[in-house]
Amino acid sequence: MGFEPAPAAQSLDRAQTGAEGRVVGVQAPAAQPDWGRWLAEIGFLPGERVSVRARSLGGDPLVVRIGTSTFALRRAEAACVQVQALP
């Protein structure tokens, strides 16, 4: 009996609209070190369920659902969040 390999993590800004995922980590860019703390404060913590609900016409910002909250994130902020797709 074997196990399926875990799906690879990807950044939230690359997730398909409507797909469900789980946060596996947050990595703020060196130029914006406060983003990691801010994202954690609003709920982007490992293990939380997340999905991209909508994108604006240009793709920025994204409407993101984390837990029971909904936020608009800029694409650069969403790129800090690593997610793993849920089956």
PDB file of N, CA and C in Angstrom:
ATOM      1  N   MET A   1       0.854  -1.170   0.000  1.00  0.00           N
ATOM      2  CA  MET A   1       0.000   0.000   0.000  1.00  0.00           C
ATOM      3  C   MET A   1       0.900   1.233   0.000  1.00  0.00           C
ATOM      4  N   GLY A   2       0.707   2.145  -0.962  1.00  0.00           N
ATOM      5  CA  GLY A   2       1.527   3.345  -1.057  1.00  0.00           C
ATOM      6  C   GLY A   2       0.731   4.584  -0.717  1.00  0.00           C
ATOM      7  N   PHE A   3       1.430   5.660  -0.619  1.00  0.00           N
ATOM      8  CA  PHE A   3       0.805   6.948  -0.338  1.00  0.00           C
ATOM      9  C   PHE A   3       0.996   7.851  -1.535  1.00  0.00           C
ATOM     10  N   GLU A   4       0.002   8.655  -1.798  1.00  0.00           N
ATOM     11  CA  GLU A   4       0.121   9.663  -2.844  1.00  0.00           C
ATOM     12  C   GLU A   4       1.067  10.755  -2.364  1.00  0.00           C
ATOM     13  N   PRO A   5       1.939  11.244  -3.222  1.00  0.00           N
ATOM     14  CA  PRO A   5       2.787  12.346  -2.792  1.00  0.00           C
ATOM     15  C   PRO A   5       1.949  13.594  -2.524  1.00  0.00           C
ATOM     16  N   ALA A   6       2.372  14.365  -1.541  1.00  0.00           N
ATOM     17  CA  ALA A   6       1.667  15.607  -1.225  1.00  0.00           C
ATOM     18  C   ALA A   6       1.814  16.574  -2.390  1.00  0.00           C
ATOM     19  N   PRO A   7       0.743  17.282  -2.743  1.00  0.00           N
ATOM     20  CA  PRO A   7       0.864  18.257  -3.825  1.00  0.00           C
ATOM     21  C   PRO A   7       1.861  19.352  -3.449  1.00  0.00           C
ATOM     22  N   ALA A   8       2.570  19.834  -4.441  1.00  0.00           N
ATOM     23  CA  ALA A   8       3.561  20.879  -4.202  1.00  0.00           C
ATOM     24  C   ALA A   8       2.880  22.180  -3.792  1.00  0.00           C
ATOM     25  N   ALA A   9       3.552  22.923  -2.953  1.00  0.00           N
ATOM     26  CA  ALA A   9       3.036  24.230  -2.540  1.00  0.00           C
ATOM     27  C   ALA A   9       3.261  25.236  -3.668  1.00  0.00           C
ATOM     28  N   GLN A  10       2.387  26.212  -3.722  1.00  0.00           N
ATOM     29  CA  GLN A  10       2.526  27.311  -4.674  1.00  0.00           C
ATOM     30  C   GLN A  10       2.124  28.595  -3.976  1.00  0.00           C
ATOM     31  N   SER A  11       2.490  29.713  -4.544  1.00  0.00           N
ATOM     32  CA  SER A  11       2.103  30.975  -3.923  1.00  0.00           C
ATOM     33  C   SER A  11       0.643  31.261  -4.213  1.00  0.00           C
ATOM     34  N   LEU A  12      -0.014  31.899  -3.273  1.00  0.00           N
ATOM     35  CA  LEU A  12      -1.451  32.165  -3.345  1.00  0.00           C
ATOM     36  C   LEU A  12      -1.820  32.972  -4.583  1.00  0.00           C
ATOM     37  N   ASP A  13      -0.955  33.850  -5.030  1.00  0.00           N
ATOM     38  CA  ASP A  13      -1.270  34.656  -6.211  1.00  0.00           C
ATOM     39  C   ASP A  13      -1.387  33.810  -7.477  1.00  0.00           C
ATOM     40  N   ARG A  14      -0.869  32.586  -7.459  1.00  0.00           N
ATOM     41  CA  ARG A  14      -0.942  31.690  -8.618  1.00  0.00           C
ATOM     42  C   ARG A  14      -2.095  30.689  -8.524  1.00  0.00           C
ATOM     43  N   ALA A  15      -2.792  30.666  -7.394  1.00  0.00           N
ATOM     44  CA  ALA A  15      -3.896  29.728  -7.205  1.00  0.00           C
ATOM     45  C   ALA A  15      -5.055  30.078  -8.131  1.00  0.00           C
ATOM     46  N   GLN A  16      -5.745  29.062  -8.585  1.00  0.00           N
ATOM     47  CA  GLN A  16      -6.910  29.279  -9.438  1.00  0.00           C
ATOM     48  C   GLN A  16      -8.061  29.841  -8.613  1.00  0.00           C
ATOM     49  N   THR A  17      -8.841  30.697  -9.229  1.00  0.00           N
ATOM     50  CA  THR A  17     -10.011  31.252  -8.564  1.00  0.00           C
ATOM     51  C   THR A  17     -10.976  30.122  -8.208  1.00  0.00           C
ATOM     52  N   GLY A  18     -11.383  30.076  -6.951  1.00  0.00           N
ATOM     53  CA  GLY A  18     -12.321  29.075  -6.480  1.00  0.00           C
ATOM     54  C   GLY A  18     -11.689  27.832  -5.895  1.00  0.00           C
ATOM     55  N   ALA A  19     -10.409  27.581  -6.160  1.00  0.00           N
ATOM     56  CA  ALA A  19      -9.747  26.388  -5.633  1.00  0.00           C
ATOM     57  C   ALA A  19      -9.477  26.552  -4.141  1.00  0.00           C
ATOM     58  N   GLU A  20      -9.634  25.475  -3.387  1.00  0.00           N
ATOM     59  CA  GLU A  20      -9.384  25.485  -1.940  1.00  0.00           C
ATOM     60  C   GLU A  20      -7.952  25.038  -1.670  1.00  0.00           C
ATOM     61  N   GLY A  21      -7.334  25.659  -0.680  1.00  0.00           N
ATOM     62  CA  GLY A  21      -5.988  25.276  -0.290  1.00  0.00           C
ATOM     63  C   GLY A  21      -5.786  25.437   1.201  1.00  0.00           C
ATOM     64  N   ARG A  22      -4.615  25.068   1.642  1.00  0.00           N
ATOM     65  CA  ARG A  22      -4.248  25.196   3.053  1.00  0.00           C
ATOM     66  C   ARG A  22      -2.918  25.944   3.101  1.00  0.00           C
ATOM     67  N   VAL A  23      -2.830  26.936   3.985  1.00  0.00           N
ATOM     68  CA  VAL A  23      -1.591  27.710   4.139  1.00  0.00           C
ATOM     69  C   VAL A  23      -0.509  26.796   4.711  1.00  0.00           C
ATOM     70  N   VAL A  24       0.654  26.801   4.072  1.00  0.00           N
ATOM     71  CA  VAL A  24       1.788  26.036   4.597  1.00  0.00           C
ATOM     72  C   VAL A  24       2.900  26.944   5.105  1.00  0.00           C
ATOM     73  N   GLY A  25       2.845  28.229   4.758  1.00  0.00           N
ATOM     74  CA  GLY A  25       3.848  29.162   5.243  1.00  0.00           C
ATOM     75  C   GLY A  25       3.685  30.540   4.643  1.00  0.00           C
ATOM     76  N   VAL A  26       4.365  31.503   5.236  1.00  0.00           N
ATOM     77  CA  VAL A  26       4.359  32.884   4.754  1.00  0.00           C
ATOM     78  C   VAL A  26       5.796  33.362   4.757  1.00  0.00           C
ATOM     79  N   GLN A  27       6.232  33.935   3.640  1.00  0.00           N
ATOM     80  CA  GLN A  27       7.591  34.454   3.525  1.00  0.00           C
ATOM     81  C   GLN A  27       7.530  35.869   2.961  1.00  0.00           C
ATOM     82  N   ALA A  28       7.776  36.850   3.809  1.00  0.00           N
ATOM     83  CA  ALA A  28       7.754  38.249   3.371  1.00  0.00           C
ATOM     84  C   ALA A  28       9.021  38.576   2.592  1.00  0.00           C
ATOM     85  N   PRO A  29       8.920  39.447   1.592  1.00  0.00           N
ATOM     86  CA  PRO A  29      10.115  39.864   0.859  1.00  0.00           C
ATOM     87  C   PRO A  29      11.008  40.735   1.736  1.00  0.00           C
ATOM     88  N   ALA A  30      12.287  40.726   1.448  1.00  0.00           N
ATOM     89  CA  ALA A  30      13.248  41.504   2.236  1.00  0.00           C
ATOM     90  C   ALA A  30      12.889  42.989   2.257  1.00  0.00           C
ATOM     91  N   ALA A  31      12.331  43.487   1.173  1.00  0.00           N
ATOM     92  CA  ALA A  31      11.979  44.912   1.091  1.00  0.00           C
ATOM     93  C   ALA A  31      10.740  45.260   1.913  1.00  0.00           C
ATOM     94  N   GLN A  32       9.940  44.244   2.303  1.00  0.00           N
ATOM     95  CA  GLN A  32       8.710  44.466   3.059  1.00  0.00           C
ATOM     96  C   GLN A  32       8.635  43.499   4.242  1.00  0.00           C
ATOM     97  N   PRO A  33       9.558  43.573   5.186  1.00  0.00           N
ATOM     98  CA  PRO A  33       9.601  42.580   6.268  1.00  0.00           C
ATOM     99  C   PRO A  33       8.354  42.556   7.157  1.00  0.00           C
ATOM    100  N   ASP A  34       7.591  43.647   7.212  1.00  0.00           N
ATOM    101  CA  ASP A  34       6.395  43.690   8.057  1.00  0.00           C
ATOM    102  C   ASP A  34       5.213  42.909   7.479  1.00  0.00           C
ATOM    103  N   TRP A  35       5.269  42.583   6.193  1.00  0.00           N
ATOM    104  CA  TRP A  35       4.151  41.883   5.580  1.00  0.00           C
ATOM    105  C   TRP A  35       3.907  40.530   6.236  1.00  0.00           C
ATOM    106  N   GLY A  36       4.940  39.803   6.611  1.00  0.00           N
ATOM    107  CA  GLY A  36       4.779  38.496   7.241  1.00  0.00           C
ATOM    108  C   GLY A  36       3.997  38.594   8.540  1.00  0.00           C
ATOM    109  N   ARG A  37       4.344  39.555   9.366  1.00  0.00           N
ATOM    110  CA  ARG A  37       3.645  39.765  10.633  1.00  0.00           C
ATOM    111  C   ARG A  37       2.205  40.184  10.384  1.00  0.00           C
ATOM    112  N   TRP A  38       2.013  41.107   9.443  1.00  0.00           N
ATOM    113  CA  TRP A  38       0.670  41.591   9.133  1.00  0.00           C
ATOM    114  C   TRP A  38      -0.209  40.463   8.608  1.00  0.00           C
ATOM    115  N   LEU A  39       0.303  39.640   7.695  1.00  0.00           N
ATOM    116  CA  LEU A  39      -0.481  38.530   7.164  1.00  0.00           C
ATOM    117  C   LEU A  39      -0.842  37.532   8.262  1.00  0.00           C
ATOM    118  N   ALA A  40       0.087  37.272   9.181  1.00  0.00           N
ATOM    119  CA  ALA A  40      -0.203  36.380  10.310  1.00  0.00           C
ATOM    120  C   ALA A  40      -1.294  36.979  11.202  1.00  0.00           C
ATOM    121  N   GLU A  41      -1.233  38.276  11.442  1.00  0.00           N
ATOM    122  CA  GLU A  41      -2.223  38.929  12.299  1.00  0.00           C
ATOM    123  C   GLU A  41      -3.638  38.841  11.743  1.00  0.00           C
ATOM    124  N   ILE A  42      -3.780  38.834  10.419  1.00  0.00           N
ATOM    125  CA  ILE A  42      -5.126  38.766   9.842  1.00  0.00           C
ATOM    126  C   ILE A  42      -5.545  37.329   9.533  1.00  0.00           C
ATOM    127  N   GLY A  43      -4.710  36.349   9.898  1.00  0.00           N
ATOM    128  CA  GLY A  43      -5.157  34.960   9.816  1.00  0.00           C
ATOM    129  C   GLY A  43      -4.410  34.037   8.886  1.00  0.00           C
ATOM    130  N   PHE A  44      -3.411  34.522   8.172  1.00  0.00           N
ATOM    131  CA  PHE A  44      -2.665  33.664   7.254  1.00  0.00           C
ATOM    132  C   PHE A  44      -1.609  32.885   8.031  1.00  0.00           C
ATOM    133  N   LEU A  45      -2.080  31.812   8.659  1.00  0.00           N
ATOM    134  CA  LEU A  45      -1.252  30.965   9.518  1.00  0.00           C
ATOM    135  C   LEU A  45      -1.244  29.550   8.954  1.00  0.00           C
ATOM    136  N   PRO A  46      -0.150  28.812   9.144  1.00  0.00           N
ATOM    137  CA  PRO A  46      -0.097  27.433   8.651  1.00  0.00           C
ATOM    138  C   PRO A  46      -1.291  26.617   9.135  1.00  0.00           C
ATOM    139  N   GLY A  47      -1.882  25.890   8.201  1.00  0.00           N
ATOM    140  CA  GLY A  47      -3.025  25.038   8.504  1.00  0.00           C
ATOM    141  C   GLY A  47      -4.371  25.649   8.176  1.00  0.00           C
ATOM    142  N   GLU A  48      -4.433  26.965   8.011  1.00  0.00           N
ATOM    143  CA  GLU A  48      -5.718  27.624   7.715  1.00  0.00           C
ATOM    144  C   GLU A  48      -6.149  27.350   6.276  1.00  0.00           C
ATOM    145  N   ARG A  49      -7.450  27.158   6.090  1.00  0.00           N
ATOM    146  CA  ARG A  49      -8.016  26.991   4.749  1.00  0.00           C
ATOM    147  C   ARG A  49      -8.094  28.353   4.072  1.00  0.00           C
ATOM    148  N   VAL A  50      -7.807  28.373   2.777  1.00  0.00           N
ATOM    149  CA  VAL A  50      -7.776  29.620   2.030  1.00  0.00           C
ATOM    150  C   VAL A  50      -8.249  29.372   0.605  1.00  0.00           C
ATOM    151  N   SER A  51      -8.849  30.394   0.009  1.00  0.00           N
ATOM    152  CA  SER A  51      -9.213  30.324  -1.399  1.00  0.00           C
ATOM    153  C   SER A  51      -9.222  31.723  -1.990  1.00  0.00           C
ATOM    154  N   VAL A  52      -8.939  31.789  -3.282  1.00  0.00           N
ATOM    155  CA  VAL A  52      -9.070  33.046  -4.030  1.00  0.00           C
ATOM    156  C   VAL A  52     -10.488  33.051  -4.558  1.00  0.00           C
ATOM    157  N   ARG A  53     -11.282  34.042  -4.140  1.00  0.00           N
ATOM    158  CA  ARG A  53     -12.694  34.110  -4.521  1.00  0.00           C
ATOM    159  C   ARG A  53     -12.906  34.872  -5.816  1.00  0.00           C
ATOM    160  N   ALA A  54     -12.074  35.891  -6.065  1.00  0.00           N
ATOM    161  CA  ALA A  54     -12.238  36.701  -7.272  1.00  0.00           C
ATOM    162  C   ALA A  54     -10.956  37.484  -7.520  1.00  0.00           C
ATOM    163  N   ARG A  55     -10.827  37.955  -8.741  1.00  0.00           N
ATOM    164  CA  ARG A  55      -9.704  38.812  -9.132  1.00  0.00           C
ATOM    165  C   ARG A  55     -10.272  40.009  -9.877  1.00  0.00           C
ATOM    166  N   SER A  56      -9.628  41.151  -9.711  1.00  0.00           N
ATOM    167  CA  SER A  56     -10.075  42.308 -10.476  1.00  0.00           C
ATOM    168  C   SER A  56      -9.681  42.111 -11.939  1.00  0.00           C
ATOM    169  N   LEU A  57     -10.128  42.971 -12.814  1.00  0.00           N
ATOM    170  CA  LEU A  57      -9.865  42.811 -14.244  1.00  0.00           C
ATOM    171  C   LEU A  57      -8.378  42.688 -14.564  1.00  0.00           C
ATOM    172  N   GLY A  58      -7.552  43.451 -13.907  1.00  0.00           N
ATOM    173  CA  GLY A  58      -6.112  43.369 -14.142  1.00  0.00           C
ATOM    174  C   GLY A  58      -5.426  42.313 -13.293  1.00  0.00           C
ATOM    175  N   GLY A  59      -6.186  41.615 -12.462  1.00  0.00           N
ATOM    176  CA  GLY A  59      -5.622  40.578 -11.607  1.00  0.00           C
ATOM    177  C   GLY A  59      -5.101  41.084 -10.277  1.00  0.00           C
ATOM    178  N   ASP A  60      -5.242  42.356 -10.016  1.00  0.00           N
ATOM    179  CA  ASP A  60      -4.728  42.941  -8.783  1.00  0.00           C
ATOM    180  C   ASP A  60      -5.710  44.002  -8.311  1.00  0.00           C
ATOM    181  N   PRO A  61      -6.335  43.894  -7.163  1.00  0.00           N
ATOM    182  CA  PRO A  61      -6.111  42.921  -6.092  1.00  0.00           C
ATOM    183  C   PRO A  61      -6.911  41.634  -6.290  1.00  0.00           C
ATOM    184  N   LEU A  62      -6.679  40.697  -5.371  1.00  0.00           N
ATOM    185  CA  LEU A  62      -7.399  39.430  -5.311  1.00  0.00           C
ATOM    186  C   LEU A  62      -8.324  39.469  -4.103  1.00  0.00           C
ATOM    187  N   VAL A  63      -9.486  38.871  -4.218  1.00  0.00           N
ATOM    188  CA  VAL A  63     -10.387  38.709  -3.079  1.00  0.00           C
ATOM    189  C   VAL A  63     -10.109  37.317  -2.532  1.00  0.00           C
ATOM    190  N   VAL A  64      -9.672  37.267  -1.274  1.00  0.00           N
ATOM    191  CA  VAL A  64      -9.205  36.021  -0.672  1.00  0.00           C
ATOM    192  C   VAL A  64     -10.013  35.723   0.576  1.00  0.00           C
ATOM    193  N   ARG A  65     -10.416  34.472   0.712  1.00  0.00           N
ATOM    194  CA  ARG A  65     -11.142  34.006   1.906  1.00  0.00           C
ATOM    195  C   ARG A  65     -10.173  33.161   2.728  1.00  0.00           C
ATOM    196  N   ILE A  66      -9.979  33.555   3.991  1.00  0.00           N
ATOM    197  CA  ILE A  66      -9.136  32.801   4.925  1.00  0.00           C
ATOM    198  C   ILE A  66      -9.983  32.532   6.161  1.00  0.00           C
ATOM    199  N   GLY A  67     -10.189  31.265   6.486  1.00  0.00           N
ATOM    200  CA  GLY A  67     -11.075  30.953   7.601  1.00  0.00           C
ATOM    201  C   GLY A  67     -12.458  31.490   7.313  1.00  0.00           C
ATOM    202  N   THR A  68     -12.955  32.356   8.193  1.00  0.00           N
ATOM    203  CA  THR A  68     -14.282  32.946   8.005  1.00  0.00           C
ATOM    204  C   THR A  68     -14.213  34.420   7.595  1.00  0.00           C
ATOM    205  N   SER A  69     -13.024  34.891   7.232  1.00  0.00           N
ATOM    206  CA  SER A  69     -12.826  36.299   6.857  1.00  0.00           C
ATOM    207  C   SER A  69     -12.498  36.426   5.379  1.00  0.00           C
ATOM    208  N   THR A  70     -12.848  37.560   4.797  1.00  0.00           N
ATOM    209  CA  THR A  70     -12.556  37.846   3.402  1.00  0.00           C
ATOM    210  C   THR A  70     -11.758  39.143   3.330  1.00  0.00           C
ATOM    211  N   PHE A  71     -10.682  39.125   2.531  1.00  0.00           N
ATOM    212  CA  PHE A  71      -9.789  40.272   2.388  1.00  0.00           C
ATOM    213  C   PHE A  71      -9.471  40.518   0.925  1.00  0.00           C
ATOM    214  N   ALA A  72      -9.119  41.747   0.608  1.00  0.00           N
ATOM    215  CA  ALA A  72      -8.543  42.086  -0.688  1.00  0.00           C
ATOM    216  C   ALA A  72      -7.036  42.180  -0.468  1.00  0.00           C
ATOM    217  N   LEU A  73      -6.287  41.376  -1.211  1.00  0.00           N
ATOM    218  CA  LEU A  73      -4.828  41.402  -1.116  1.00  0.00           C
ATOM    219  C   LEU A  73      -4.252  41.812  -2.456  1.00  0.00           C
ATOM    220  N   ARG A  74      -3.217  42.625  -2.410  1.00  0.00           N
ATOM    221  CA  ARG A  74      -2.476  42.905  -3.626  1.00  0.00           C
ATOM    222  C   ARG A  74      -1.763  41.624  -4.047  1.00  0.00           C
ATOM    223  N   ARG A  75      -1.500  41.496  -5.323  1.00  0.00           N
ATOM    224  CA  ARG A  75      -0.838  40.297  -5.838  1.00  0.00           C
ATOM    225  C   ARG A  75       0.504  40.071  -5.134  1.00  0.00           C
ATOM    226  N   ALA A  76       1.257  41.124  -4.874  1.00  0.00           N
ATOM    227  CA  ALA A  76       2.557  40.996  -4.210  1.00  0.00           C
ATOM    228  C   ALA A  76       2.406  40.450  -2.790  1.00  0.00           C
ATOM    229  N   GLU A  77       1.336  40.823  -2.102  1.00  0.00           N
ATOM    230  CA  GLU A  77       1.092  40.297  -0.755  1.00  0.00           C
ATOM    231  C   GLU A  77       0.695  38.825  -0.821  1.00  0.00           C
ATOM    232  N   ALA A  78      -0.187  38.488  -1.769  1.00  0.00           N
ATOM    233  CA  ALA A  78      -0.617  37.097  -1.929  1.00  0.00           C
ATOM    234  C   ALA A  78       0.553  36.195  -2.315  1.00  0.00           C
ATOM    235  N   ALA A  79       1.537  36.748  -3.010  1.00  0.00           N
ATOM    236  CA  ALA A  79       2.708  35.952  -3.418  1.00  0.00           C
ATOM    237  C   ALA A  79       3.534  35.509  -2.209  1.00  0.00           C
ATOM    238  N   CYS A  80       3.374  36.144  -1.075  1.00  0.00           N
ATOM    239  CA  CYS A  80       4.104  35.774   0.149  1.00  0.00           C
ATOM    240  C   CYS A  80       3.539  34.522   0.811  1.00  0.00           C
ATOM    241  N   VAL A  81       2.295  34.184   0.493  1.00  0.00           N
ATOM    242  CA  VAL A  81       1.598  33.083   1.151  1.00  0.00           C
ATOM    243  C   VAL A  81       1.766  31.812   0.318  1.00  0.00           C
ATOM    244  N   GLN A  82       2.360  30.792   0.911  1.00  0.00           N
ATOM    245  CA  GLN A  82       2.511  29.494   0.263  1.00  0.00           C
ATOM    246  C   GLN A  82       1.341  28.607   0.651  1.00  0.00           C
ATOM    247  N   VAL A  83       0.696  28.016  -0.349  1.00  0.00           N
ATOM    248  CA  VAL A  83      -0.472  27.161  -0.109  1.00  0.00           C
ATOM    249  C   VAL A  83      -0.292  25.817  -0.779  1.00  0.00           C
ATOM    250  N   GLN A  84      -0.980  24.840  -0.225  1.00  0.00           N
ATOM    251  CA  GLN A  84      -1.020  23.504  -0.797  1.00  0.00           C
ATOM    252  C   GLN A  84      -2.467  23.225  -1.157  1.00  0.00           C
ATOM    253  N   ALA A  85      -2.705  22.792  -2.378  1.00  0.00           N
ATOM    254  CA  ALA A  85      -4.069  22.540  -2.847  1.00  0.00           C
ATOM    255  C   ALA A  85      -4.714  21.422  -2.049  1.00  0.00           C
ATOM    256  N   LEU A  86      -6.005  21.579  -1.782  1.00  0.00           N
ATOM    257  CA  LEU A  86      -6.780  20.524  -1.144  1.00  0.00           C
ATOM    258  C   LEU A  86      -7.459  19.695  -2.222  1.00  0.00           C
ATOM    259  N   PRO A  87      -7.581  18.402  -2.003  1.00  0.00           N
ATOM    260  CA  PRO A  87      -8.226  17.546  -3.016  1.00  0.00           C
ATOM    261  C   PRO A  87      -9.708  17.858  -3.172  1.00  0.00           C
TER     262      PRO A  87
END
